[in-house]
N, C-alpha and C. Protein backbone atom coordinates (compact mmCIF):
# COMPACT_ATOMS: atom_id res chain seq x y z
N MET A 1 -50.15 -1.97 55.37
CA MET A 1 -49.90 -2.52 56.72
C MET A 1 -50.84 -1.58 56.96
N LYS A 2 -51.26 -0.01 55.88
CA LYS A 2 -52.26 0.77 56.09
C LYS A 2 -53.79 0.88 56.82
N LYS A 3 -54.08 -0.47 55.99
CA LYS A 3 -55.40 -0.65 56.51
C LYS A 3 -55.97 -1.38 57.38
N PRO A 4 -56.33 -1.45 58.34
CA PRO A 4 -57.13 -2.08 60.10
C PRO A 4 -56.21 -3.38 59.66
N GLU A 5 -57.70 -3.83 58.76
CA GLU A 5 -57.75 -5.35 58.77
C GLU A 5 -56.79 -5.76 58.62
N PHE A 6 -56.21 -5.34 57.54
CA PHE A 6 -55.02 -6.03 56.92
C PHE A 6 -53.59 -6.73 58.35
N GLU A 7 -53.64 -5.32 58.68
CA GLU A 7 -52.68 -5.24 60.39
C GLU A 7 -52.54 -5.74 61.30
N ALA A 8 -54.44 -6.56 60.81
CA ALA A 8 -55.23 -7.15 62.33
C ALA A 8 -54.09 -8.89 61.78
N ALA A 9 -54.33 -9.05 60.25
CA ALA A 9 -54.41 -10.38 60.28
C ALA A 9 -53.15 -10.97 60.03
N CYS A 10 -52.11 -9.96 59.81
CA CYS A 10 -50.45 -10.24 59.62
C CYS A 10 -50.22 -10.04 61.09
N ARG A 11 -50.91 -9.61 61.99
CA ARG A 11 -50.28 -9.62 63.48
C ARG A 11 -50.21 -11.55 63.78
N GLU A 12 -51.86 -11.81 63.39
CA GLU A 12 -52.52 -12.38 63.94
C GLU A 12 -51.52 -14.27 63.07
N ALA A 13 -51.68 -13.74 61.72
CA ALA A 13 -50.71 -14.63 60.95
C ALA A 13 -49.23 -14.64 61.87
N ARG A 14 -48.97 -13.45 62.27
CA ARG A 14 -47.35 -13.58 63.17
C ARG A 14 -47.14 -14.97 64.06
N ARG A 15 -48.69 -14.32 64.79
CA ARG A 15 -48.16 -14.91 66.79
C ARG A 15 -48.47 -16.60 65.51
N THR A 16 -49.42 -17.16 65.37
CA THR A 16 -50.07 -18.53 64.21
C THR A 16 -48.59 -18.98 64.04
N VAL A 17 -47.03 -18.75 63.26
CA VAL A 17 -46.33 -18.73 63.10
C VAL A 17 -45.60 -18.66 64.28
N PHE A 18 -45.60 -17.65 64.80
CA PHE A 18 -44.42 -17.39 66.43
C PHE A 18 -44.85 -19.03 67.31
N SER A 19 -46.31 -19.09 67.74
CA SER A 19 -46.78 -19.81 67.99
C SER A 19 -46.31 -22.20 67.46
N HIS A 20 -46.31 -21.34 66.81
CA HIS A 20 -45.73 -23.23 65.74
C HIS A 20 -44.66 -23.80 65.81
N ALA A 21 -43.59 -22.81 66.23
CA ALA A 21 -42.06 -22.87 65.72
C ALA A 21 -41.92 -22.85 67.65
N ILE A 22 -42.43 -22.46 68.40
CA ILE A 22 -42.42 -23.13 70.40
C ILE A 22 -42.75 -24.21 70.26
N GLY A 23 -44.15 -24.77 69.85
CA GLY A 23 -44.72 -25.82 69.07
C GLY A 23 -43.19 -26.71 69.35
N ARG A 24 -42.82 -26.76 67.83
CA ARG A 24 -42.04 -27.53 67.67
C ARG A 24 -40.29 -27.63 68.96
N LEU A 25 -40.78 -26.28 69.23
CA LEU A 25 -38.97 -26.42 70.42
C LEU A 25 -39.35 -27.67 70.99
N GLN A 26 -40.95 -26.77 71.98
CA GLN A 26 -41.17 -28.37 72.97
C GLN A 26 -41.25 -29.71 72.41
N ASP A 27 -41.80 -30.17 70.95
CA ASP A 27 -41.56 -31.78 70.89
C ASP A 27 -39.69 -31.79 71.63
N ALA A 28 -39.36 -30.89 71.09
CA ALA A 28 -37.91 -31.57 70.95
C ALA A 28 -37.32 -31.56 71.86
N ALA A 29 -37.69 -30.64 72.65
CA ALA A 29 -36.86 -30.87 74.43
C ALA A 29 -36.72 -31.95 74.74
N GLY A 30 -37.41 -32.69 74.67
CA GLY A 30 -37.32 -34.43 75.10
C GLY A 30 -35.56 -34.54 75.00
N ALA A 31 -35.44 -34.88 73.06
CA ALA A 31 -33.90 -34.89 72.65
C ALA A 31 -33.34 -34.55 73.18
N ALA A 32 -33.56 -33.22 73.26
CA ALA A 32 -32.18 -31.85 73.46
C ALA A 32 -31.71 -31.88 74.99
N ALA A 33 -32.53 -32.56 76.02
CA ALA A 33 -32.32 -32.88 77.45
C ALA A 33 -31.15 -34.09 77.46
N THR A 34 -31.91 -35.00 76.11
CA THR A 34 -31.13 -36.84 76.71
C THR A 34 -29.83 -36.47 76.42
N THR A 35 -29.95 -35.21 75.28
CA THR A 35 -27.95 -35.49 74.26
C THR A 35 -27.35 -34.55 75.31
N LEU A 36 -27.88 -33.59 76.09
CA LEU A 36 -26.86 -32.26 76.93
C LEU A 36 -26.79 -33.58 78.20
N LEU A 37 -26.86 -34.47 78.61
CA LEU A 37 -26.84 -34.91 79.55
C LEU A 37 -25.81 -36.70 79.44
N LYS A 38 -25.94 -36.77 78.35
CA LYS A 38 -25.38 -38.26 77.65
C LYS A 38 -23.79 -37.19 77.14
N ILE A 39 -23.61 -35.82 77.50
CA ILE A 39 -22.49 -34.83 77.02
C ILE A 39 -21.98 -34.66 78.06
N MET A 40 -23.10 -34.75 79.21
CA MET A 40 -22.46 -34.00 80.43
C MET A 40 -22.33 -35.10 81.38
N LEU A 41 -22.22 -36.24 81.25
CA LEU A 41 -21.08 -37.79 81.95
C LEU A 41 -20.66 -38.46 80.82
N ASP A 42 -20.22 -37.48 79.50
CA ASP A 42 -19.26 -37.94 78.81
C ASP A 42 -18.09 -38.80 78.78
N THR A 43 -17.24 -39.47 79.47
CA THR A 43 -16.36 -39.38 80.67
C THR A 43 -14.73 -39.04 79.14
N ASN A 44 -15.27 -39.33 77.57
CA ASN A 44 -14.61 -38.97 76.88
C ASN A 44 -14.57 -37.60 76.28
N ALA A 45 -15.27 -36.69 76.45
CA ALA A 45 -15.62 -35.29 76.89
C ALA A 45 -14.90 -34.51 76.57
N PRO A 46 -13.95 -33.36 76.89
CA PRO A 46 -13.48 -32.34 76.71
C PRO A 46 -13.87 -31.46 78.40
N PRO A 47 -13.35 -32.08 79.84
CA PRO A 47 -13.92 -31.34 80.75
C PRO A 47 -14.78 -29.62 80.46
N ALA A 48 -14.07 -28.75 79.40
CA ALA A 48 -14.66 -27.60 79.55
C ALA A 48 -16.27 -28.53 78.98
N THR A 49 -16.72 -29.40 78.00
CA THR A 49 -17.72 -29.42 77.06
C THR A 49 -18.63 -29.80 78.56
N ARG A 50 -17.88 -30.89 79.70
CA ARG A 50 -18.52 -31.59 80.32
C ARG A 50 -19.29 -30.12 80.97
N LEU A 51 -18.27 -29.73 81.98
CA LEU A 51 -18.28 -28.23 82.91
C LEU A 51 -20.29 -27.28 82.64
N ARG A 52 -19.34 -27.40 80.79
CA ARG A 52 -20.63 -26.26 80.62
C ARG A 52 -22.23 -27.12 80.43
N ALA A 53 -21.86 -28.25 79.70
CA ALA A 53 -23.53 -28.60 79.42
C ALA A 53 -23.55 -29.18 81.99
N ALA A 54 -22.68 -29.27 82.66
CA ALA A 54 -23.86 -29.12 83.49
C ALA A 54 -24.19 -28.18 84.21
N GLU A 55 -24.04 -26.97 83.52
CA GLU A 55 -23.77 -25.67 83.98
C GLU A 55 -25.32 -25.27 83.05
N ILE A 56 -25.90 -25.60 81.87
CA ILE A 56 -27.01 -25.50 81.78
C ILE A 56 -28.16 -26.51 81.76
N VAL A 57 -27.20 -28.23 83.19
CA VAL A 57 -28.51 -28.72 83.25
C VAL A 57 -29.25 -27.44 84.49
N LEU A 58 -27.88 -27.31 85.45
CA LEU A 58 -29.01 -26.84 86.42
C LEU A 58 -29.68 -25.22 86.30
N ASP A 59 -29.00 -24.69 85.60
CA ASP A 59 -29.72 -22.91 85.28
C ASP A 59 -30.33 -23.95 84.32
N GLN A 60 -31.07 -24.95 83.71
CA GLN A 60 -32.84 -24.82 83.09
C GLN A 60 -33.25 -25.39 84.88
N ALA A 61 -32.99 -26.38 85.35
CA ALA A 61 -33.65 -27.14 86.68
C ALA A 61 -33.62 -25.78 87.56
N THR A 62 -32.59 -24.42 87.40
CA THR A 62 -33.07 -23.31 88.31
C THR A 62 -33.84 -22.70 87.64
N LYS A 63 -34.21 -22.72 86.46
CA LYS A 63 -35.78 -21.39 85.55
C LYS A 63 -36.75 -22.76 85.92
N ALA A 64 -36.55 -24.07 85.57
CA ALA A 64 -37.85 -25.00 86.04
C ALA A 64 -38.24 -24.87 87.61
N GLY A 65 -37.66 -25.13 88.58
CA GLY A 65 -37.92 -24.11 89.69
C GLY A 65 -38.56 -23.56 90.06
N GLU A 66 -37.62 -21.51 89.15
CA GLU A 66 -38.72 -20.67 89.30
C GLU A 66 -40.14 -20.56 89.03
N MET A 67 -40.37 -21.26 87.56
CA MET A 67 -41.37 -21.38 86.70
C MET A 67 -42.78 -22.23 87.85
N ALA A 68 -42.31 -22.89 88.68
CA ALA A 68 -43.41 -24.30 88.68
C ALA A 68 -43.42 -22.87 90.18
N MET A 69 -42.95 -22.05 91.11
CA MET A 69 -42.46 -21.12 92.09
C MET A 69 -43.81 -20.44 91.58
N PHE A 70 -44.10 -19.88 90.55
CA PHE A 70 -44.65 -19.16 89.82
C PHE A 70 -46.00 -19.32 89.96
N GLU A 71 -45.67 -20.74 89.11
CA GLU A 71 -47.63 -21.06 89.12
C GLU A 71 -47.64 -21.87 90.56
N ALA A 72 -47.55 -21.15 91.22
CA ALA A 72 -47.64 -22.96 92.47
C ALA A 72 -48.73 -21.46 92.85
N THR A 73 -49.90 -22.01 94.25
CA THR A 73 -50.88 -21.54 95.25
C THR A 73 -50.30 -19.55 95.56
N PRO A 74 -50.72 -19.19 96.23
CA PRO A 74 -49.86 -18.32 96.70
C PRO A 74 -49.62 -18.54 98.18
N ASP A 75 -50.37 -19.80 98.84
CA ASP A 75 -49.46 -20.19 99.83
C ASP A 75 -48.21 -21.21 99.83
N VAL A 76 -48.33 -21.47 99.04
CA VAL A 76 -47.11 -22.59 98.48
C VAL A 76 -45.37 -21.80 97.92
N ALA A 77 -46.49 -20.66 97.15
CA ALA A 77 -45.13 -19.48 97.00
C ALA A 77 -44.49 -19.37 98.21
N ARG A 78 -45.21 -18.89 98.78
CA ARG A 78 -44.78 -17.95 99.96
C ARG A 78 -43.98 -18.77 100.81
N LYS A 79 -44.27 -20.49 100.45
CA LYS A 79 -43.97 -21.13 101.39
C LYS A 79 -42.40 -21.27 100.74
N LEU A 80 -42.20 -21.56 100.30
CA LEU A 80 -40.94 -21.91 98.59
C LEU A 80 -40.01 -20.50 98.94
N ARG A 81 -40.53 -19.37 98.50
CA ARG A 81 -39.69 -17.65 98.61
C ARG A 81 -39.38 -18.44 100.30
N ASN A 82 -39.72 -18.22 100.79
CA ASN A 82 -38.76 -18.13 102.82
C ASN A 82 -38.15 -18.97 103.48
N ARG A 83 -37.80 -20.43 102.04
CA ARG A 83 -37.05 -20.81 102.08
C ARG A 83 -35.51 -20.32 101.02
N SER A 84 -33.99 -21.13 102.53
CA SER A 84 -33.65 -20.97 101.40
C SER A 84 -32.40 -21.64 100.04
N ALA A 85 -32.21 -20.62 99.59
CA ALA A 85 -31.59 -21.43 98.11
C ALA A 85 -31.24 -23.49 97.96
N GLU A 86 -30.40 -23.14 99.68
CA GLU A 86 -29.69 -24.60 99.69
C GLU A 86 -30.40 -25.61 100.63
N ILE A 87 -30.86 -24.38 101.61
CA ILE A 87 -32.12 -25.83 102.02
C ILE A 87 -33.19 -26.26 100.64
N THR A 88 -33.58 -25.68 100.18
CA THR A 88 -34.66 -25.96 98.68
C THR A 88 -33.80 -26.87 97.85
N TRP A 89 -32.96 -26.64 97.00
CA TRP A 89 -31.96 -27.66 96.72
C TRP A 89 -30.98 -28.82 96.94
N LEU A 90 -31.02 -28.97 98.54
CA LEU A 90 -30.91 -30.15 98.91
C LEU A 90 -31.36 -31.45 99.62
N SER A 91 -33.44 -30.57 99.99
CA SER A 91 -34.69 -31.44 99.93
C SER A 91 -35.46 -31.42 98.57
N ALA A 92 -34.68 -31.13 97.59
CA ALA A 92 -35.60 -31.60 96.36
C ALA A 92 -35.40 -32.73 96.14
N THR A 93 -37.10 -32.90 95.16
CA THR A 93 -36.74 -34.38 94.91
C THR A 93 -36.97 -34.23 93.41
N PRO A 94 -36.17 -35.19 92.56
CA PRO A 94 -36.41 -35.46 91.15
C PRO A 94 -37.56 -35.88 90.66
N LEU A 95 -38.54 -35.93 89.79
CA LEU A 95 -39.58 -35.69 89.44
C LEU A 95 -39.59 -37.18 88.63
N PRO A 96 -40.72 -38.46 88.99
CA PRO A 96 -40.93 -39.62 88.45
C PRO A 96 -40.03 -39.56 87.32
N GLY A 97 -40.01 -40.51 86.89
CA GLY A 97 -38.47 -41.17 85.47
C GLY A 97 -37.77 -39.84 85.24
N THR A 98 -36.90 -38.83 85.72
CA THR A 98 -36.16 -38.10 85.36
C THR A 98 -35.37 -39.67 85.30
N ALA A 99 -34.17 -38.68 85.24
CA ALA A 99 -32.71 -38.72 84.63
C ALA A 99 -32.44 -38.96 85.55
N THR A 100 -31.11 -39.85 86.55
CA THR A 100 -30.10 -39.51 87.37
C THR A 100 -29.40 -39.83 87.13
N THR A 101 -28.50 -40.98 86.70
CA THR A 101 -27.76 -41.92 86.33
C THR A 101 -26.95 -42.25 84.72
N PRO A 102 -25.47 -42.24 85.14
CA PRO A 102 -25.55 -42.48 83.43
C PRO A 102 -26.23 -43.55 82.91
N SER A 103 -26.34 -44.90 83.44
CA SER A 103 -27.47 -46.09 83.58
C SER A 103 -28.93 -45.67 82.76
N GLN A 104 -29.25 -44.65 83.59
CA GLN A 104 -31.46 -44.29 83.74
C GLN A 104 -30.90 -43.52 82.01
N ILE A 105 -30.29 -42.30 81.49
CA ILE A 105 -30.27 -41.45 80.63
C ILE A 105 -29.73 -42.24 79.33
N GLU A 106 -28.97 -43.66 79.81
CA GLU A 106 -28.49 -43.64 78.10
C GLU A 106 -29.70 -44.79 78.01
N ALA A 107 -30.83 -45.79 78.68
CA ALA A 107 -32.01 -45.85 78.54
C ALA A 107 -32.81 -45.64 77.96
N PRO A 108 -33.93 -45.99 76.91
CA PRO A 108 -34.61 -45.28 76.31
C PRO A 108 -35.53 -45.16 77.38
N GLN A 109 -36.33 -43.96 77.36
CA GLN A 109 -37.32 -43.75 78.41
C GLN A 109 -39.13 -43.97 77.58
N PRO A 110 -39.51 -44.97 78.69
CA PRO A 110 -41.05 -44.77 77.38
C PRO A 110 -41.58 -43.36 77.28
N ASN A 111 -43.03 -43.39 76.98
CA ASN A 111 -43.94 -42.43 76.20
C ASN A 111 -42.97 -41.42 76.61
N ARG A 112 -42.58 -41.21 75.76
CA ARG A 112 -41.48 -39.67 75.56
C ARG A 112 -41.66 -39.79 73.88
N GLY A 113 -41.66 -40.68 73.69
CA GLY A 113 -41.70 -40.11 72.12
C GLY A 113 -40.76 -39.87 71.36
N GLU A 114 -39.55 -40.57 72.20
CA GLU A 114 -38.06 -40.24 71.43
C GLU A 114 -37.52 -41.55 70.28
N THR A 115 -36.34 -41.06 69.92
CA THR A 115 -35.87 -42.57 69.07
C THR A 115 -34.59 -41.68 68.70
N ASP A 116 -33.22 -43.39 68.79
CA ASP A 116 -31.79 -42.50 68.74
C ASP A 116 -31.87 -41.71 67.65
N GLU A 117 -33.01 -41.02 66.58
CA GLU A 117 -32.16 -40.54 65.40
C GLU A 117 -32.74 -39.17 66.77
N ASP A 118 -33.56 -38.92 66.88
CA ASP A 118 -34.22 -37.84 67.89
C ASP A 118 -32.69 -36.40 68.61
N VAL A 119 -31.74 -37.25 68.38
CA VAL A 119 -30.74 -36.89 69.61
C VAL A 119 -29.75 -36.28 68.88
N VAL A 120 -29.39 -34.92 68.86
CA VAL A 120 -28.50 -34.99 68.40
C VAL A 120 -26.95 -34.81 68.30
N GLU A 121 -26.00 -35.35 67.25
CA GLU A 121 -24.61 -35.48 68.61
C GLU A 121 -23.77 -35.15 68.39
């Protein structure tokens, strides 16, 4: 690690490994979301489990909304910041293709590359 060339090569190798790991997690996000939604809607699951799944869904939806605001143009971001959270949640429209009912969650989602084997139960 005393040689700058070796240190730079190690740093680059770590970045590459980390990038691949993040890519794998992103690839699995669809299956994870399907599993989470199934647990949330499973009437046979313990209430505490269903509640925790719902909390995770809301938390992740909030984070996604924050990311969308971060990525928005300054004009749009200013308008989003000026709205109350309650109004934002009430007026939010789901993205096309998002599952909102138990039957939609159970149905295979086209073009997502997921199979039942992808869902961890």
